[in-house]
């Protein structure tokens, strides 16, 4: 719930979407369904969170980057690297 709220609040702040404009899908995966190197680049990635956001073309790249930065900042507040 905290992750969902952090992402939604970032969208409200950066994209200025209405607070009730929420559509989120969380899909847990079993072991082996997502393949990745758990230590690539010297970073521990054994606990992996993938966030995929689909947006319409009206949002410029600069705004999309700002949204990403805001999501990262809010997740860091939750202790998620």
PDB file of N, CA and C in Angstrom:
ATOM      1  N   UNK A   1       0.818  -1.201   0.000  1.00  0.00           N
ATOM      2  CA  UNK A   1       0.000   0.000   0.000  1.00  0.00           C
ATOM      3  C   UNK A   1       0.859   1.261   0.000  1.00  0.00           C
ATOM      4  N   UNK A   2       1.986   1.222   0.725  1.00  0.00           N
ATOM      5  CA  UNK A   2       2.851   2.406   0.789  1.00  0.00           C
ATOM      6  C   UNK A   2       3.500   2.677  -0.568  1.00  0.00           C
ATOM      7  N   UNK A   3       3.894   1.635  -1.264  1.00  0.00           N
ATOM      8  CA  UNK A   3       4.492   1.813  -2.587  1.00  0.00           C
ATOM      9  C   UNK A   3       3.456   2.384  -3.552  1.00  0.00           C
ATOM     10  N   UNK A   4       2.260   1.833  -3.532  1.00  0.00           N
ATOM     11  CA  UNK A   4       1.186   2.313  -4.402  1.00  0.00           C
ATOM     12  C   UNK A   4       0.901   3.786  -4.132  1.00  0.00           C
ATOM     13  N   UNK A   5       0.845   4.140  -2.866  1.00  0.00           N
ATOM     14  CA  UNK A   5       0.551   5.531  -2.502  1.00  0.00           C
ATOM     15  C   UNK A   5       1.680   6.464  -2.920  1.00  0.00           C
ATOM     16  N   UNK A   6       2.930   6.028  -2.739  1.00  0.00           N
ATOM     17  CA  UNK A   6       4.078   6.856  -3.122  1.00  0.00           C
ATOM     18  C   UNK A   6       4.069   7.141  -4.623  1.00  0.00           C
ATOM     19  N   UNK A   7       3.797   6.137  -5.423  1.00  0.00           N
ATOM     20  CA  UNK A   7       3.756   6.312  -6.876  1.00  0.00           C
ATOM     21  C   UNK A   7       2.607   7.242  -7.258  1.00  0.00           C
ATOM     22  N   UNK A   8       1.462   7.024  -6.662  1.00  0.00           N
ATOM     23  CA  UNK A   8       0.291   7.851  -6.989  1.00  0.00           C
ATOM     24  C   UNK A   8       0.510   9.308  -6.581  1.00  0.00           C
ATOM     25  N   UNK A   9       1.060   9.531  -5.404  1.00  0.00           N
ATOM     26  CA  UNK A   9       1.323  10.902  -4.961  1.00  0.00           C
ATOM     27  C   UNK A   9       2.340  11.595  -5.867  1.00  0.00           C
ATOM     28  N   UNK A  10       3.317  10.854  -6.355  1.00  0.00           N
ATOM     29  CA  UNK A  10       4.290  11.427  -7.296  1.00  0.00           C
ATOM     30  C   UNK A  10       3.600  11.837  -8.592  1.00  0.00           C
ATOM     31  N   UNK A  11       2.659  11.019  -9.061  1.00  0.00           N
ATOM     32  CA  UNK A  11       1.920  11.366 -10.277  1.00  0.00           C
ATOM     33  C   UNK A  11       1.065  12.614 -10.065  1.00  0.00           C
ATOM     34  N   UNK A  12       0.455  12.715  -8.910  1.00  0.00           N
ATOM     35  CA  UNK A  12      -0.352  13.900  -8.600  1.00  0.00           C
ATOM     36  C   UNK A  12       0.527  15.146  -8.596  1.00  0.00           C
ATOM     37  N   UNK A  13       1.676  15.054  -7.938  1.00  0.00           N
ATOM     38  CA  UNK A  13       2.566  16.214  -7.816  1.00  0.00           C
ATOM     39  C   UNK A  13       3.162  16.623  -9.162  1.00  0.00           C
ATOM     40  N   UNK A  14       3.720  15.667  -9.887  1.00  0.00           N
ATOM     41  CA  UNK A  14       4.473  15.997 -11.100  1.00  0.00           C
ATOM     42  C   UNK A  14       3.574  16.143 -12.328  1.00  0.00           C
ATOM     43  N   UNK A  15       2.643  15.221 -12.505  1.00  0.00           N
ATOM     44  CA  UNK A  15       1.796  15.249 -13.696  1.00  0.00           C
ATOM     45  C   UNK A  15       0.520  16.051 -13.484  1.00  0.00           C
ATOM     46  N   UNK A  16       0.277  16.405 -12.228  1.00  0.00           N
ATOM     47  CA  UNK A  16      -0.922  17.156 -11.853  1.00  0.00           C
ATOM     48  C   UNK A  16      -2.202  16.419 -12.252  1.00  0.00           C
ATOM     49  N   UNK A  17      -2.205  15.107 -12.050  1.00  0.00           N
ATOM     50  CA  UNK A  17      -3.410  14.334 -12.326  1.00  0.00           C
ATOM     51  C   UNK A  17      -4.381  14.509 -11.161  1.00  0.00           C
ATOM     52  N   UNK A  18      -5.665  14.312 -11.396  1.00  0.00           N
ATOM     53  CA  UNK A  18      -6.634  14.383 -10.294  1.00  0.00           C
ATOM     54  C   UNK A  18      -6.356  13.255  -9.282  1.00  0.00           C
ATOM     55  N   UNK A  19      -6.599  13.525  -8.027  1.00  0.00           N
ATOM     56  CA  UNK A  19      -6.320  12.545  -6.972  1.00  0.00           C
ATOM     57  C   UNK A  19      -7.094  11.245  -7.157  1.00  0.00           C
ATOM     58  N   UNK A  20      -8.255  11.318  -7.797  1.00  0.00           N
ATOM     59  CA  UNK A  20      -9.044  10.100  -7.976  1.00  0.00           C
ATOM     60  C   UNK A  20      -8.749   9.396  -9.299  1.00  0.00           C
ATOM     61  N   UNK A  21      -7.738   9.856 -10.026  1.00  0.00           N
ATOM     62  CA  UNK A  21      -7.325   9.222 -11.287  1.00  0.00           C
ATOM     63  C   UNK A  21      -6.256   8.177 -10.981  1.00  0.00           C
ATOM     64  N   UNK A  22      -6.698   7.049 -10.451  1.00  0.00           N
ATOM     65  CA  UNK A  22      -5.756   6.001 -10.054  1.00  0.00           C
ATOM     66  C   UNK A  22      -6.121   4.698 -10.757  1.00  0.00           C
ATOM     67  N   UNK A  23      -5.119   4.124 -11.410  1.00  0.00           N
ATOM     68  CA  UNK A  23      -5.249   2.785 -11.972  1.00  0.00           C
ATOM     69  C   UNK A  23      -3.883   2.144 -11.846  1.00  0.00           C
ATOM     70  N   UNK A  24      -3.765   1.197 -10.941  1.00  0.00           N
ATOM     71  CA  UNK A  24      -2.490   0.539 -10.690  1.00  0.00           C
ATOM     72  C   UNK A  24      -2.689  -0.970 -10.725  1.00  0.00           C
ATOM     73  N   UNK A  25      -1.682  -1.656 -11.197  1.00  0.00           N
ATOM     74  CA  UNK A  25      -1.716  -3.106 -11.282  1.00  0.00           C
ATOM     75  C   UNK A  25      -0.424  -3.648 -10.679  1.00  0.00           C
ATOM     76  N   UNK A  26      -0.545  -4.482  -9.676  1.00  0.00           N
ATOM     77  CA  UNK A  26       0.612  -5.095  -9.037  1.00  0.00           C
ATOM     78  C   UNK A  26       0.574  -6.584  -9.340  1.00  0.00           C
ATOM     79  N   UNK A  27       1.659  -7.091  -9.920  1.00  0.00           N
ATOM     80  CA  UNK A  27       1.711  -8.490 -10.338  1.00  0.00           C
ATOM     81  C   UNK A  27       2.929  -9.156  -9.700  1.00  0.00           C
ATOM     82  N   UNK A  28       2.721  -9.943  -8.667  1.00  0.00           N
ATOM     83  CA  UNK A  28       3.850 -10.678  -8.088  1.00  0.00           C
ATOM     84  C   UNK A  28       4.264 -11.810  -9.027  1.00  0.00           C
ATOM     85  N   UNK A  29       5.535 -12.115  -9.022  1.00  0.00           N
ATOM     86  CA  UNK A  29       6.064 -13.173  -9.875  1.00  0.00           C
ATOM     87  C   UNK A  29       6.727 -14.247  -9.023  1.00  0.00           C
ATOM     88  N   UNK A  30       6.587 -15.462  -9.442  1.00  0.00           N
ATOM     89  CA  UNK A  30       7.241 -16.579  -8.768  1.00  0.00           C
ATOM     90  C   UNK A  30       8.719 -16.600  -9.126  1.00  0.00           C
ATOM     91  N   UNK A  31       9.490 -17.284  -8.315  1.00  0.00           N
ATOM     92  CA  UNK A  31      10.922 -17.430  -8.569  1.00  0.00           C
ATOM     93  C   UNK A  31      11.139 -17.981  -9.977  1.00  0.00           C
ATOM     94  N   UNK A  32      12.067 -17.379 -10.706  1.00  0.00           N
ATOM     95  CA  UNK A  32      12.401 -17.840 -12.042  1.00  0.00           C
ATOM     96  C   UNK A  32      11.597 -17.192 -13.156  1.00  0.00           C
ATOM     97  N   UNK A  33      10.545 -16.460 -12.835  1.00  0.00           N
ATOM     98  CA  UNK A  33       9.740 -15.825 -13.878  1.00  0.00           C
ATOM     99  C   UNK A  33      10.380 -14.545 -14.431  1.00  0.00           C
ATOM    100  N   UNK A  34      11.213 -13.920 -13.631  1.00  0.00           N
ATOM    101  CA  UNK A  34      11.971 -12.755 -14.091  1.00  0.00           C
ATOM    102  C   UNK A  34      13.440 -13.105 -13.909  1.00  0.00           C
ATOM    103  N   UNK A  35      14.199 -12.989 -14.963  1.00  0.00           N
ATOM    104  CA  UNK A  35      15.612 -13.372 -14.898  1.00  0.00           C
ATOM    105  C   UNK A  35      16.489 -12.116 -14.936  1.00  0.00           C
ATOM    106  N   UNK A  36      17.391 -12.032 -13.967  1.00  0.00           N
ATOM    107  CA  UNK A  36      18.293 -10.897 -13.879  1.00  0.00           C
ATOM    108  C   UNK A  36      19.503 -11.310 -13.057  1.00  0.00           C
ATOM    109  N   UNK A  37      20.608 -10.619 -13.244  1.00  0.00           N
ATOM    110  CA  UNK A  37      21.813 -10.876 -12.468  1.00  0.00           C
ATOM    111  C   UNK A  37      21.654 -10.182 -11.119  1.00  0.00           C
ATOM    112  N   UNK A  38      21.701 -10.930 -10.019  1.00  0.00           N
ATOM    113  CA  UNK A  38      21.434 -10.331  -8.701  1.00  0.00           C
ATOM    114  C   UNK A  38      22.528  -9.413  -8.167  1.00  0.00           C
ATOM    115  N   UNK A  39      23.688  -9.376  -8.812  1.00  0.00           N
ATOM    116  CA  UNK A  39      24.767  -8.524  -8.310  1.00  0.00           C
ATOM    117  C   UNK A  39      25.422  -7.690  -9.411  1.00  0.00           C
ATOM    118  N   UNK A  40      24.764  -7.483 -10.527  1.00  0.00           N
ATOM    119  CA  UNK A  40      25.341  -6.716 -11.631  1.00  0.00           C
ATOM    120  C   UNK A  40      25.784  -5.339 -11.151  1.00  0.00           C
ATOM    121  N   UNK A  41      26.967  -4.945 -11.577  1.00  0.00           N
ATOM    122  CA  UNK A  41      27.487  -3.624 -11.238  1.00  0.00           C
ATOM    123  C   UNK A  41      27.832  -3.455  -9.770  1.00  0.00           C
ATOM    124  N   UNK A  42      27.961  -4.587  -9.046  1.00  0.00           N
ATOM    125  CA  UNK A  42      28.310  -4.513  -7.641  1.00  0.00           C
ATOM    126  C   UNK A  42      27.152  -4.062  -6.755  1.00  0.00           C
ATOM    127  N   UNK A  43      25.918  -4.149  -7.274  1.00  0.00           N
ATOM    128  CA  UNK A  43      24.737  -3.726  -6.531  1.00  0.00           C
ATOM    129  C   UNK A  43      23.900  -4.954  -6.188  1.00  0.00           C
ATOM    130  N   UNK A  44      23.472  -5.049  -4.947  1.00  0.00           N
ATOM    131  CA  UNK A  44      22.607  -6.155  -4.528  1.00  0.00           C
ATOM    132  C   UNK A  44      21.205  -5.919  -5.078  1.00  0.00           C
ATOM    133  N   UNK A  45      20.795  -6.769  -6.016  1.00  0.00           N
ATOM    134  CA  UNK A  45      19.478  -6.607  -6.635  1.00  0.00           C
ATOM    135  C   UNK A  45      18.602  -7.840  -6.406  1.00  0.00           C
ATOM    136  N   UNK A  46      18.809  -8.531  -5.315  1.00  0.00           N
ATOM    137  CA  UNK A  46      18.016  -9.737  -5.072  1.00  0.00           C
ATOM    138  C   UNK A  46      16.546  -9.425  -4.798  1.00  0.00           C
ATOM    139  N   UNK A  47      16.267  -8.281  -4.219  1.00  0.00           N
ATOM    140  CA  UNK A  47      14.883  -7.845  -4.029  1.00  0.00           C
ATOM    141  C   UNK A  47      14.599  -6.829  -5.129  1.00  0.00           C
ATOM    142  N   UNK A  48      13.896  -7.270  -6.146  1.00  0.00           N
ATOM    143  CA  UNK A  48      13.707  -6.447  -7.337  1.00  0.00           C
ATOM    144  C   UNK A  48      12.276  -5.932  -7.416  1.00  0.00           C
ATOM    145  N   UNK A  49      12.143  -4.646  -7.636  1.00  0.00           N
ATOM    146  CA  UNK A  49      10.847  -4.003  -7.837  1.00  0.00           C
ATOM    147  C   UNK A  49      10.881  -3.367  -9.219  1.00  0.00           C
ATOM    148  N   UNK A  50       9.989  -3.796 -10.101  1.00  0.00           N
ATOM    149  CA  UNK A  50       9.909  -3.247 -11.450  1.00  0.00           C
ATOM    150  C   UNK A  50       8.662  -2.376 -11.521  1.00  0.00           C
ATOM    151  N   UNK A  51       8.849  -1.127 -11.909  1.00  0.00           N
ATOM    152  CA  UNK A  51       7.726  -0.197 -12.057  1.00  0.00           C
ATOM    153  C   UNK A  51       7.616   0.144 -13.536  1.00  0.00           C
ATOM    154  N   UNK A  52       6.462  -0.124 -14.098  1.00  0.00           N
ATOM    155  CA  UNK A  52       6.216   0.189 -15.503  1.00  0.00           C
ATOM    156  C   UNK A  52       5.047   1.164 -15.558  1.00  0.00           C
ATOM    157  N   UNK A  53       5.277   2.290 -16.206  1.00  0.00           N
ATOM    158  CA  UNK A  53       4.247   3.306 -16.315  1.00  0.00           C
ATOM    159  C   UNK A  53       3.951   3.539 -17.795  1.00  0.00           C
ATOM    160  N   UNK A  54       2.698   3.443 -18.149  1.00  0.00           N
ATOM    161  CA  UNK A  54       2.274   3.705 -19.522  1.00  0.00           C
ATOM    162  C   UNK A  54       1.624   5.082 -19.547  1.00  0.00           C
ATOM    163  N   UNK A  55       2.164   5.972 -20.376  1.00  0.00           N
ATOM    164  CA  UNK A  55       1.649   7.339 -20.452  1.00  0.00           C
ATOM    165  C   UNK A  55       1.308   7.692 -21.889  1.00  0.00           C
ATOM    166  N   UNK A  56       0.395   8.610 -22.023  1.00  0.00           N
ATOM    167  CA  UNK A  56       0.079   9.121 -23.349  1.00  0.00           C
ATOM    168  C   UNK A  56       1.204  10.043 -23.813  1.00  0.00           C
ATOM    169  N   UNK A  57       1.266  10.271 -25.101  1.00  0.00           N
ATOM    170  CA  UNK A  57       2.362  11.035 -25.700  1.00  0.00           C
ATOM    171  C   UNK A  57       2.375  12.505 -25.291  1.00  0.00           C
ATOM    172  N   UNK A  58       1.308  12.997 -24.672  1.00  0.00           N
ATOM    173  CA  UNK A  58       1.260  14.429 -24.360  1.00  0.00           C
ATOM    174  C   UNK A  58       2.266  14.860 -23.300  1.00  0.00           C
ATOM    175  N   UNK A  59       2.812  13.913 -22.546  1.00  0.00           N
ATOM    176  CA  UNK A  59       3.790  14.260 -21.517  1.00  0.00           C
ATOM    177  C   UNK A  59       5.182  14.324 -22.138  1.00  0.00           C
ATOM    178  N   UNK A  60       5.862  15.460 -22.046  1.00  0.00           N
ATOM    179  CA  UNK A  60       7.216  15.556 -22.603  1.00  0.00           C
ATOM    180  C   UNK A  60       8.212  14.735 -21.778  1.00  0.00           C
ATOM    181  N   UNK A  61       9.320  14.402 -22.395  1.00  0.00           N
ATOM    182  CA  UNK A  61      10.352  13.590 -21.751  1.00  0.00           C
ATOM    183  C   UNK A  61      10.816  14.238 -20.448  1.00  0.00           C
ATOM    184  N   UNK A  62      10.960  15.542 -20.431  1.00  0.00           N
ATOM    185  CA  UNK A  62      11.408  16.253 -19.224  1.00  0.00           C
ATOM    186  C   UNK A  62      10.466  15.969 -18.046  1.00  0.00           C
ATOM    187  N   UNK A  63       9.178  15.960 -18.302  1.00  0.00           N
ATOM    188  CA  UNK A  63       8.194  15.699 -17.254  1.00  0.00           C
ATOM    189  C   UNK A  63       8.229  14.230 -16.823  1.00  0.00           C
ATOM    190  N   UNK A  64       8.433  13.335 -17.768  1.00  0.00           N
ATOM    191  CA  UNK A  64       8.540  11.911 -17.448  1.00  0.00           C
ATOM    192  C   UNK A  64       9.761  11.656 -16.557  1.00  0.00           C
ATOM    193  N   UNK A  65      10.860  12.328 -16.850  1.00  0.00           N
ATOM    194  CA  UNK A  65      12.064  12.191 -16.018  1.00  0.00           C
ATOM    195  C   UNK A  65      11.819  12.745 -14.614  1.00  0.00           C
ATOM    196  N   UNK A  66      11.112  13.855 -14.544  1.00  0.00           N
ATOM    197  CA  UNK A  66      10.792  14.447 -13.244  1.00  0.00           C
ATOM    198  C   UNK A  66       9.922  13.493 -12.428  1.00  0.00           C
ATOM    199  N   UNK A  67       8.988  12.806 -13.097  1.00  0.00           N
ATOM    200  CA  UNK A  67       8.153  11.828 -12.406  1.00  0.00           C
ATOM    201  C   UNK A  67       9.006  10.693 -11.864  1.00  0.00           C
ATOM    202  N   UNK A  68       9.908  10.179 -12.674  1.00  0.00           N
ATOM    203  CA  UNK A  68      10.800   9.102 -12.235  1.00  0.00           C
ATOM    204  C   UNK A  68      11.595   9.546 -11.006  1.00  0.00           C
ATOM    205  N   UNK A  69      12.162  10.730 -11.049  1.00  0.00           N
ATOM    206  CA  UNK A  69      12.949  11.230  -9.918  1.00  0.00           C
ATOM    207  C   UNK A  69      12.089  11.365  -8.664  1.00  0.00           C
ATOM    208  N   UNK A  70      10.865  11.808  -8.822  1.00  0.00           N
ATOM    209  CA  UNK A  70       9.959  11.964  -7.677  1.00  0.00           C
ATOM    210  C   UNK A  70       9.581  10.597  -7.092  1.00  0.00           C
ATOM    211  N   UNK A  71       9.344   9.625  -7.959  1.00  0.00           N
ATOM    212  CA  UNK A  71       9.034   8.278  -7.471  1.00  0.00           C
ATOM    213  C   UNK A  71      10.217   7.714  -6.702  1.00  0.00           C
ATOM    214  N   UNK A  72      11.403   7.846  -7.245  1.00  0.00           N
ATOM    215  CA  UNK A  72      12.610   7.355  -6.579  1.00  0.00           C
ATOM    216  C   UNK A  72      12.771   8.013  -5.208  1.00  0.00           C
ATOM    217  N   UNK A  73      12.581   9.310  -5.131  1.00  0.00           N
ATOM    218  CA  UNK A  73      12.718  10.027  -3.857  1.00  0.00           C
ATOM    219  C   UNK A  73      11.699   9.522  -2.843  1.00  0.00           C
ATOM    220  N   UNK A  74      10.467   9.316  -3.280  1.00  0.00           N
ATOM    221  CA  UNK A  74       9.416   8.852  -2.359  1.00  0.00           C
ATOM    222  C   UNK A  74       9.656   7.408  -1.918  1.00  0.00           C
ATOM    223  N   UNK A  75      10.166   6.581  -2.807  1.00  0.00           N
ATOM    224  CA  UNK A  75      10.463   5.196  -2.421  1.00  0.00           C
ATOM    225  C   UNK A  75      11.651   5.141  -1.462  1.00  0.00           C
ATOM    226  N   UNK A  76      12.623   6.033  -1.655  1.00  0.00           N
ATOM    227  CA  UNK A  76      13.753   6.101  -0.727  1.00  0.00           C
ATOM    228  C   UNK A  76      13.277   6.420   0.683  1.00  0.00           C
ATOM    229  N   UNK A  77      12.242   7.272   0.788  1.00  0.00           N
ATOM    230  CA  UNK A  77      11.680   7.601   2.096  1.00  0.00           C
ATOM    231  C   UNK A  77      11.079   6.365   2.781  1.00  0.00           C
ATOM    232  N   UNK A  78      10.684   5.378   1.972  1.00  0.00           N
ATOM    233  CA  UNK A  78      10.137   4.133   2.499  1.00  0.00           C
ATOM    234  C   UNK A  78      11.225   3.089   2.767  1.00  0.00           C
ATOM    235  N   UNK A  79      12.479   3.460   2.477  1.00  0.00           N
ATOM    236  CA  UNK A  79      13.582   2.529   2.707  1.00  0.00           C
ATOM    237  C   UNK A  79      13.861   1.635   1.507  1.00  0.00           C
ATOM    238  N   UNK A  80      13.312   2.000   0.353  1.00  0.00           N
ATOM    239  CA  UNK A  80      13.540   1.221  -0.875  1.00  0.00           C
ATOM    240  C   UNK A  80      14.605   1.909  -1.687  1.00  0.00           C
ATOM    241  N   UNK A  81      15.669   1.176  -1.991  1.00  0.00           N
ATOM    242  CA  UNK A  81      16.779   1.757  -2.742  1.00  0.00           C
ATOM    243  C   UNK A  81      16.459   1.716  -4.221  1.00  0.00           C
TER     244      UNK A  81
END
